[in-house]
């Protein structure tokens, strides 16, 4: 028959009789807890710059709403501001984003032009056939 782990508890906590297996489990649990506490203490959060609303989020929102012109204007303004303040990382990321946004804006304008041209050709074809 298998032996069961038993903890005999007396009135005084120091007088507790524990078998070896249970004692090892308790030590492991304590070690894990101390390691977790150390890791939580070591984690140092970097201070977040409170520069107002996030420009990239606003630009992305404008792009999702197909307001390309406003997104480009906001992006160029933010790019110039980042360059003036000396934020090289922000300026680089904005310049890369602006390239993509401008290409998307051109693609959208070309698609709108093609759509309008097809509608116009359909109307012209109907006028030619009607004569």
N, C-alpha and C. Protein backbone atom coordinates (compact mmCIF):
# COMPACT_ATOMS: atom_id res chain seq x y z
N UNK A 1 0.83 -1.17 0.00
CA UNK A 1 0.00 0.00 0.00
C UNK A 1 0.89 1.25 0.00
N UNK A 2 0.48 2.27 -0.76
CA UNK A 2 1.28 3.48 -0.89
C UNK A 2 1.17 4.34 0.36
N UNK A 3 2.28 4.98 0.65
CA UNK A 3 2.33 5.85 1.81
C UNK A 3 1.71 7.19 1.45
N UNK A 4 0.91 7.77 2.28
CA UNK A 4 0.32 9.08 2.04
C UNK A 4 1.15 10.14 2.74
N UNK A 5 1.26 11.27 2.04
CA UNK A 5 1.97 12.39 2.63
C UNK A 5 1.09 13.01 3.70
N UNK A 6 1.63 13.12 4.86
CA UNK A 6 0.83 13.68 5.94
C UNK A 6 1.59 14.82 6.59
N UNK A 7 0.84 15.81 6.93
CA UNK A 7 1.39 16.93 7.67
C UNK A 7 0.70 16.94 9.03
N UNK A 8 1.48 16.81 10.05
CA UNK A 8 0.93 16.83 11.39
C UNK A 8 1.09 18.25 11.91
N UNK A 9 -0.01 18.87 12.20
CA UNK A 9 0.01 20.25 12.64
C UNK A 9 -0.22 20.31 14.14
N UNK A 10 0.71 20.99 14.78
CA UNK A 10 0.57 21.21 16.20
C UNK A 10 0.25 22.67 16.43
N UNK A 11 0.10 23.03 17.66
CA UNK A 11 -0.24 24.41 17.99
C UNK A 11 0.85 25.38 17.55
N UNK A 12 2.08 25.01 17.68
CA UNK A 12 3.18 25.89 17.32
C UNK A 12 3.62 25.54 15.89
N UNK A 13 3.77 26.56 15.04
CA UNK A 13 4.11 26.33 13.64
C UNK A 13 5.50 25.72 13.48
N UNK A 14 6.39 25.95 14.39
CA UNK A 14 7.75 25.42 14.28
C UNK A 14 7.80 23.92 14.55
N UNK A 15 6.79 23.39 15.20
CA UNK A 15 6.79 21.98 15.57
C UNK A 15 6.05 21.10 14.56
N UNK A 16 5.89 21.53 13.32
CA UNK A 16 5.16 20.76 12.32
C UNK A 16 6.05 19.64 11.80
N UNK A 17 5.53 18.43 11.76
CA UNK A 17 6.27 17.29 11.26
C UNK A 17 5.85 17.08 9.80
N UNK A 18 6.83 17.10 8.89
CA UNK A 18 6.55 16.99 7.46
C UNK A 18 7.44 15.91 6.88
N UNK A 19 6.88 15.06 5.98
CA UNK A 19 7.75 14.08 5.33
C UNK A 19 8.56 14.77 4.23
N UNK A 20 9.58 14.08 3.73
CA UNK A 20 10.55 14.68 2.82
C UNK A 20 9.93 15.21 1.54
N UNK A 21 9.03 14.45 0.95
CA UNK A 21 8.43 14.84 -0.33
C UNK A 21 7.64 16.15 -0.19
N UNK A 22 6.86 16.25 0.83
CA UNK A 22 6.08 17.45 1.07
C UNK A 22 6.99 18.63 1.37
N UNK A 23 8.07 18.36 2.10
CA UNK A 23 9.01 19.41 2.43
C UNK A 23 9.66 19.97 1.15
N UNK A 24 10.04 19.08 0.21
CA UNK A 24 10.61 19.51 -1.06
C UNK A 24 9.62 20.35 -1.86
N UNK A 25 8.37 19.93 -1.89
CA UNK A 25 7.34 20.68 -2.61
C UNK A 25 7.19 22.09 -2.05
N UNK A 26 7.18 22.17 -0.74
CA UNK A 26 7.03 23.46 -0.11
C UNK A 26 8.23 24.36 -0.39
N UNK A 27 9.44 23.79 -0.39
CA UNK A 27 10.64 24.56 -0.70
C UNK A 27 10.62 25.06 -2.14
N UNK A 28 10.20 24.19 -3.07
CA UNK A 28 10.09 24.61 -4.48
C UNK A 28 9.09 25.75 -4.64
N UNK A 29 7.96 25.64 -3.97
CA UNK A 29 6.94 26.69 -4.05
C UNK A 29 7.49 28.01 -3.51
N UNK A 30 8.22 27.96 -2.40
CA UNK A 30 8.81 29.17 -1.85
C UNK A 30 9.83 29.76 -2.81
N UNK A 31 10.65 28.89 -3.43
CA UNK A 31 11.65 29.36 -4.39
C UNK A 31 10.99 30.04 -5.59
N UNK A 32 9.93 29.44 -6.08
CA UNK A 32 9.21 30.04 -7.21
C UNK A 32 8.65 31.41 -6.84
N UNK A 33 8.08 31.51 -5.65
CA UNK A 33 7.53 32.79 -5.21
C UNK A 33 8.62 33.86 -5.11
N UNK A 34 9.77 33.49 -4.55
CA UNK A 34 10.85 34.46 -4.41
C UNK A 34 11.40 34.87 -5.78
N UNK A 35 11.49 33.92 -6.70
CA UNK A 35 11.95 34.25 -8.05
C UNK A 35 10.97 35.19 -8.74
N UNK A 36 9.68 34.94 -8.58
CA UNK A 36 8.68 35.82 -9.19
C UNK A 36 8.77 37.23 -8.61
N UNK A 37 8.96 37.32 -7.30
CA UNK A 37 9.08 38.63 -6.67
C UNK A 37 10.31 39.36 -7.19
N UNK A 38 11.43 38.64 -7.33
CA UNK A 38 12.66 39.26 -7.85
C UNK A 38 12.45 39.75 -9.27
N UNK A 39 11.80 38.94 -10.11
CA UNK A 39 11.56 39.34 -11.49
C UNK A 39 10.65 40.56 -11.55
N UNK A 40 9.64 40.61 -10.70
CA UNK A 40 8.75 41.76 -10.68
C UNK A 40 9.48 43.02 -10.24
N UNK A 41 10.39 42.88 -9.30
CA UNK A 41 11.16 44.02 -8.83
C UNK A 41 12.15 44.50 -9.89
N UNK A 42 12.70 43.55 -10.66
CA UNK A 42 13.68 43.90 -11.68
C UNK A 42 13.06 44.61 -12.88
N UNK A 43 11.79 44.35 -13.11
CA UNK A 43 11.13 44.98 -14.24
C UNK A 43 10.99 46.46 -13.95
N UNK A 44 11.65 47.25 -14.77
CA UNK A 44 11.60 48.69 -14.60
C UNK A 44 10.88 49.27 -15.81
N UNK A 45 9.82 49.96 -15.54
CA UNK A 45 9.06 50.55 -16.64
C UNK A 45 9.71 51.85 -17.05
N UNK A 46 9.83 52.04 -18.37
CA UNK A 46 10.40 53.27 -18.88
C UNK A 46 9.33 54.35 -18.83
N UNK A 47 9.71 55.56 -18.49
CA UNK A 47 8.71 56.63 -18.44
C UNK A 47 8.18 56.93 -19.85
N UNK A 48 6.90 57.07 -19.94
CA UNK A 48 6.25 57.34 -21.21
C UNK A 48 6.20 58.84 -21.42
N UNK A 49 6.60 59.28 -22.59
CA UNK A 49 6.57 60.70 -22.89
C UNK A 49 5.13 61.13 -23.13
N UNK A 50 4.71 62.14 -22.43
CA UNK A 50 3.36 62.65 -22.56
C UNK A 50 3.37 63.78 -23.59
N UNK A 51 3.42 63.44 -24.86
CA UNK A 51 3.49 64.46 -25.90
C UNK A 51 2.13 64.68 -26.54
N UNK A 52 1.09 64.32 -25.87
CA UNK A 52 -0.24 64.50 -26.42
C UNK A 52 -0.68 63.26 -27.17
N UNK A 53 -1.66 63.42 -28.04
CA UNK A 53 -2.18 62.26 -28.78
C UNK A 53 -1.13 61.68 -29.72
N UNK A 54 -1.21 60.40 -29.95
CA UNK A 54 -0.26 59.71 -30.81
C UNK A 54 -0.54 60.05 -32.27
N UNK A 55 0.45 60.64 -32.92
CA UNK A 55 0.29 61.10 -34.30
C UNK A 55 0.10 59.92 -35.25
N UNK A 56 0.87 58.87 -35.03
CA UNK A 56 0.76 57.71 -35.93
C UNK A 56 -0.63 57.09 -35.86
N UNK A 57 -1.23 57.06 -34.68
CA UNK A 57 -2.57 56.51 -34.54
C UNK A 57 -3.59 57.38 -35.28
N UNK A 58 -3.41 58.69 -35.17
CA UNK A 58 -4.32 59.60 -35.87
C UNK A 58 -4.19 59.44 -37.39
N UNK A 59 -2.96 59.30 -37.85
CA UNK A 59 -2.73 59.12 -39.29
C UNK A 59 -3.36 57.82 -39.76
N UNK A 60 -3.18 56.75 -38.99
CA UNK A 60 -3.78 55.46 -39.35
C UNK A 60 -5.30 55.54 -39.38
N UNK A 61 -5.88 56.26 -38.43
CA UNK A 61 -7.33 56.43 -38.39
C UNK A 61 -7.82 57.18 -39.62
N UNK A 62 -7.11 58.23 -39.99
CA UNK A 62 -7.50 59.00 -41.19
C UNK A 62 -7.39 58.13 -42.45
N UNK A 63 -6.36 57.31 -42.52
CA UNK A 63 -6.20 56.43 -43.68
C UNK A 63 -7.34 55.41 -43.74
N UNK A 64 -7.75 54.89 -42.61
CA UNK A 64 -8.84 53.92 -42.60
C UNK A 64 -10.15 54.55 -43.03
N UNK A 65 -10.29 55.83 -42.78
CA UNK A 65 -11.50 56.54 -43.18
C UNK A 65 -11.40 57.08 -44.61
N UNK A 66 -10.33 56.72 -45.33
CA UNK A 66 -10.06 57.18 -46.69
C UNK A 66 -9.96 58.70 -46.78
N UNK A 67 -9.38 59.30 -45.76
CA UNK A 67 -9.12 60.74 -45.76
C UNK A 67 -7.62 60.93 -45.95
N UNK A 68 -7.17 60.58 -47.16
CA UNK A 68 -5.75 60.51 -47.46
C UNK A 68 -5.07 61.88 -47.41
N UNK A 69 -5.74 62.89 -47.94
CA UNK A 69 -5.13 64.22 -48.00
C UNK A 69 -4.83 64.72 -46.59
N UNK A 70 -5.79 64.57 -45.68
CA UNK A 70 -5.60 65.01 -44.30
C UNK A 70 -4.49 64.21 -43.61
N UNK A 71 -4.43 62.90 -43.91
CA UNK A 71 -3.39 62.06 -43.32
C UNK A 71 -2.01 62.50 -43.78
N UNK A 72 -1.90 62.82 -45.07
CA UNK A 72 -0.61 63.27 -45.60
C UNK A 72 -0.21 64.60 -44.99
N UNK A 73 -1.15 65.53 -44.88
CA UNK A 73 -0.84 66.84 -44.30
C UNK A 73 -0.42 66.70 -42.84
N UNK A 74 -1.14 65.89 -42.08
CA UNK A 74 -0.80 65.67 -40.68
C UNK A 74 0.57 65.00 -40.56
N UNK A 75 0.83 64.04 -41.43
CA UNK A 75 2.11 63.33 -41.40
C UNK A 75 3.28 64.23 -41.72
N UNK A 76 3.13 65.08 -42.73
CA UNK A 76 4.22 65.99 -43.07
C UNK A 76 4.47 67.01 -41.96
N UNK A 77 3.40 67.48 -41.34
CA UNK A 77 3.56 68.41 -40.22
C UNK A 77 4.28 67.75 -39.05
N UNK A 78 3.90 66.52 -38.75
CA UNK A 78 4.54 65.80 -37.65
C UNK A 78 5.99 65.48 -37.98
N UNK A 79 6.26 65.19 -39.25
CA UNK A 79 7.63 64.89 -39.68
C UNK A 79 8.52 66.11 -39.49
N UNK A 80 8.06 67.27 -39.91
CA UNK A 80 8.84 68.50 -39.74
C UNK A 80 9.05 68.81 -38.25
N UNK A 81 8.02 68.59 -37.46
CA UNK A 81 8.13 68.84 -36.01
C UNK A 81 9.15 67.90 -35.37
N UNK A 82 9.13 66.62 -35.79
CA UNK A 82 10.07 65.65 -35.23
C UNK A 82 11.50 66.00 -35.62
N UNK A 83 11.69 66.45 -36.85
CA UNK A 83 13.03 66.87 -37.28
C UNK A 83 13.50 68.08 -36.49
N UNK A 84 12.60 69.03 -36.24
CA UNK A 84 12.96 70.25 -35.51
C UNK A 84 13.32 69.93 -34.06
N UNK A 85 12.63 68.96 -33.47
CA UNK A 85 12.90 68.59 -32.08
C UNK A 85 14.08 67.64 -31.95
N UNK A 86 14.57 67.12 -33.07
CA UNK A 86 15.73 66.23 -33.03
C UNK A 86 15.38 64.78 -32.73
N UNK A 87 14.14 64.40 -32.92
CA UNK A 87 13.72 63.01 -32.70
C UNK A 87 13.95 62.23 -33.99
N UNK A 88 15.14 61.66 -34.11
CA UNK A 88 15.52 61.00 -35.35
C UNK A 88 14.71 59.73 -35.61
N UNK A 89 14.45 58.94 -34.57
CA UNK A 89 13.68 57.71 -34.75
C UNK A 89 12.26 58.01 -35.22
N UNK A 90 11.65 58.99 -34.59
CA UNK A 90 10.29 59.38 -34.96
C UNK A 90 10.26 59.93 -36.39
N UNK A 91 11.25 60.74 -36.73
CA UNK A 91 11.31 61.31 -38.07
C UNK A 91 11.49 60.21 -39.12
N UNK A 92 12.35 59.23 -38.81
CA UNK A 92 12.57 58.14 -39.76
C UNK A 92 11.30 57.31 -39.96
N UNK A 93 10.64 56.97 -38.86
CA UNK A 93 9.42 56.16 -38.98
C UNK A 93 8.32 56.92 -39.69
N UNK A 94 8.21 58.21 -39.44
CA UNK A 94 7.20 59.02 -40.14
C UNK A 94 7.51 59.13 -41.62
N UNK A 95 8.79 59.28 -41.96
CA UNK A 95 9.13 59.39 -43.39
C UNK A 95 8.83 58.09 -44.13
N UNK A 96 9.09 56.95 -43.48
CA UNK A 96 8.76 55.67 -44.10
C UNK A 96 7.24 55.50 -44.23
N UNK A 97 6.51 55.90 -43.21
CA UNK A 97 5.05 55.79 -43.25
C UNK A 97 4.48 56.73 -44.30
N UNK A 98 5.04 57.92 -44.43
CA UNK A 98 4.51 58.89 -45.40
C UNK A 98 4.69 58.38 -46.83
N UNK A 99 5.78 57.69 -47.09
CA UNK A 99 5.99 57.11 -48.42
C UNK A 99 4.86 56.14 -48.75
N UNK A 100 4.54 55.28 -47.82
CA UNK A 100 3.48 54.29 -48.05
C UNK A 100 2.11 54.96 -48.16
N UNK A 101 1.87 55.96 -47.32
CA UNK A 101 0.58 56.63 -47.35
C UNK A 101 0.39 57.37 -48.67
N UNK A 102 1.44 58.03 -49.13
CA UNK A 102 1.33 58.75 -50.41
C UNK A 102 1.10 57.79 -51.57
N UNK A 103 1.74 56.62 -51.52
CA UNK A 103 1.51 55.63 -52.58
C UNK A 103 0.07 55.12 -52.54
N UNK A 104 -0.44 54.90 -51.35
CA UNK A 104 -1.83 54.45 -51.23
C UNK A 104 -2.80 55.53 -51.70
N UNK A 105 -2.48 56.76 -51.40
CA UNK A 105 -3.32 57.88 -51.84
C UNK A 105 -3.34 57.95 -53.37
N UNK A 106 -2.17 57.83 -53.98
CA UNK A 106 -2.10 57.83 -55.46
C UNK A 106 -2.88 56.66 -56.06
N UNK A 107 -2.75 55.49 -55.44
CA UNK A 107 -3.48 54.31 -55.91
C UNK A 107 -4.99 54.54 -55.80
N UNK A 108 -5.42 55.15 -54.73
CA UNK A 108 -6.84 55.44 -54.54
C UNK A 108 -7.33 56.45 -55.58
N UNK A 109 -6.52 57.47 -55.86
CA UNK A 109 -6.91 58.46 -56.87
C UNK A 109 -6.98 57.81 -58.25
N UNK A 110 -6.03 56.93 -58.56
CA UNK A 110 -6.04 56.25 -59.85
C UNK A 110 -7.26 55.34 -59.97
N UNK A 111 -7.61 54.64 -58.91
CA UNK A 111 -8.78 53.76 -58.94
C UNK A 111 -10.05 54.57 -59.12
N UNK A 112 -10.14 55.72 -58.47
CA UNK A 112 -11.32 56.58 -58.62
C UNK A 112 -11.40 57.12 -60.04
N UNK A 113 -10.25 57.50 -60.60
CA UNK A 113 -10.23 58.00 -61.97
C UNK A 113 -10.67 56.92 -62.95
N UNK A 114 -10.18 55.70 -62.77
CA UNK A 114 -10.56 54.60 -63.67
C UNK A 114 -12.05 54.30 -63.55
N UNK A 115 -12.58 54.35 -62.36
CA UNK A 115 -14.00 54.09 -62.16
C UNK A 115 -14.85 55.15 -62.86
N UNK A 116 -14.49 56.40 -62.69
CA UNK A 116 -15.24 57.49 -63.34
C UNK A 116 -15.10 57.42 -64.86
N UNK A 117 -13.90 57.04 -65.33
CA UNK A 117 -13.69 56.93 -66.78
C UNK A 117 -14.55 55.82 -67.37
N UNK A 118 -14.67 54.69 -66.68
CA UNK A 118 -15.53 53.60 -67.16
C UNK A 118 -16.98 54.03 -67.22
N UNK A 119 -17.43 54.75 -66.18
CA UNK A 119 -18.82 55.24 -66.20
C UNK A 119 -19.05 56.18 -67.38
N UNK A 120 -18.08 57.06 -67.62
CA UNK A 120 -18.21 58.02 -68.71
C UNK A 120 -18.23 57.29 -70.06
N UNK A 121 -17.39 56.27 -70.23
CA UNK A 121 -17.36 55.52 -71.48
C UNK A 121 -18.66 54.76 -71.70
N UNK A 122 -19.25 54.24 -70.64
CA UNK A 122 -20.54 53.56 -70.77
C UNK A 122 -21.60 54.52 -71.26
N UNK A 123 -21.62 55.74 -70.68
CA UNK A 123 -22.60 56.74 -71.11
C UNK A 123 -22.35 57.14 -72.56
N UNK A 124 -21.08 57.31 -72.94
CA UNK A 124 -20.75 57.70 -74.30
C UNK A 124 -21.13 56.59 -75.26
N UNK A 125 -20.91 55.36 -74.88
CA UNK A 125 -21.28 54.23 -75.74
C UNK A 125 -22.79 54.20 -75.95
N UNK A 126 -23.54 54.44 -74.89
CA UNK A 126 -25.01 54.47 -75.02
C UNK A 126 -25.45 55.61 -75.92
N UNK A 127 -24.76 56.74 -75.87
CA UNK A 127 -25.11 57.86 -76.74
C UNK A 127 -24.80 57.53 -78.20
N UNK A 128 -23.66 56.85 -78.45
CA UNK A 128 -23.28 56.47 -79.81
C UNK A 128 -24.24 55.45 -80.38
N UNK A 129 -24.68 54.51 -79.58
CA UNK A 129 -25.58 53.46 -80.06
C UNK A 129 -26.95 54.05 -80.35
N UNK A 130 -27.34 55.04 -79.61
CA UNK A 130 -28.66 55.65 -79.76
C UNK A 130 -28.79 56.44 -81.05
N UNK A 131 -27.73 56.83 -81.69
CA UNK A 131 -27.81 57.64 -82.91
C UNK A 131 -28.17 56.84 -84.09
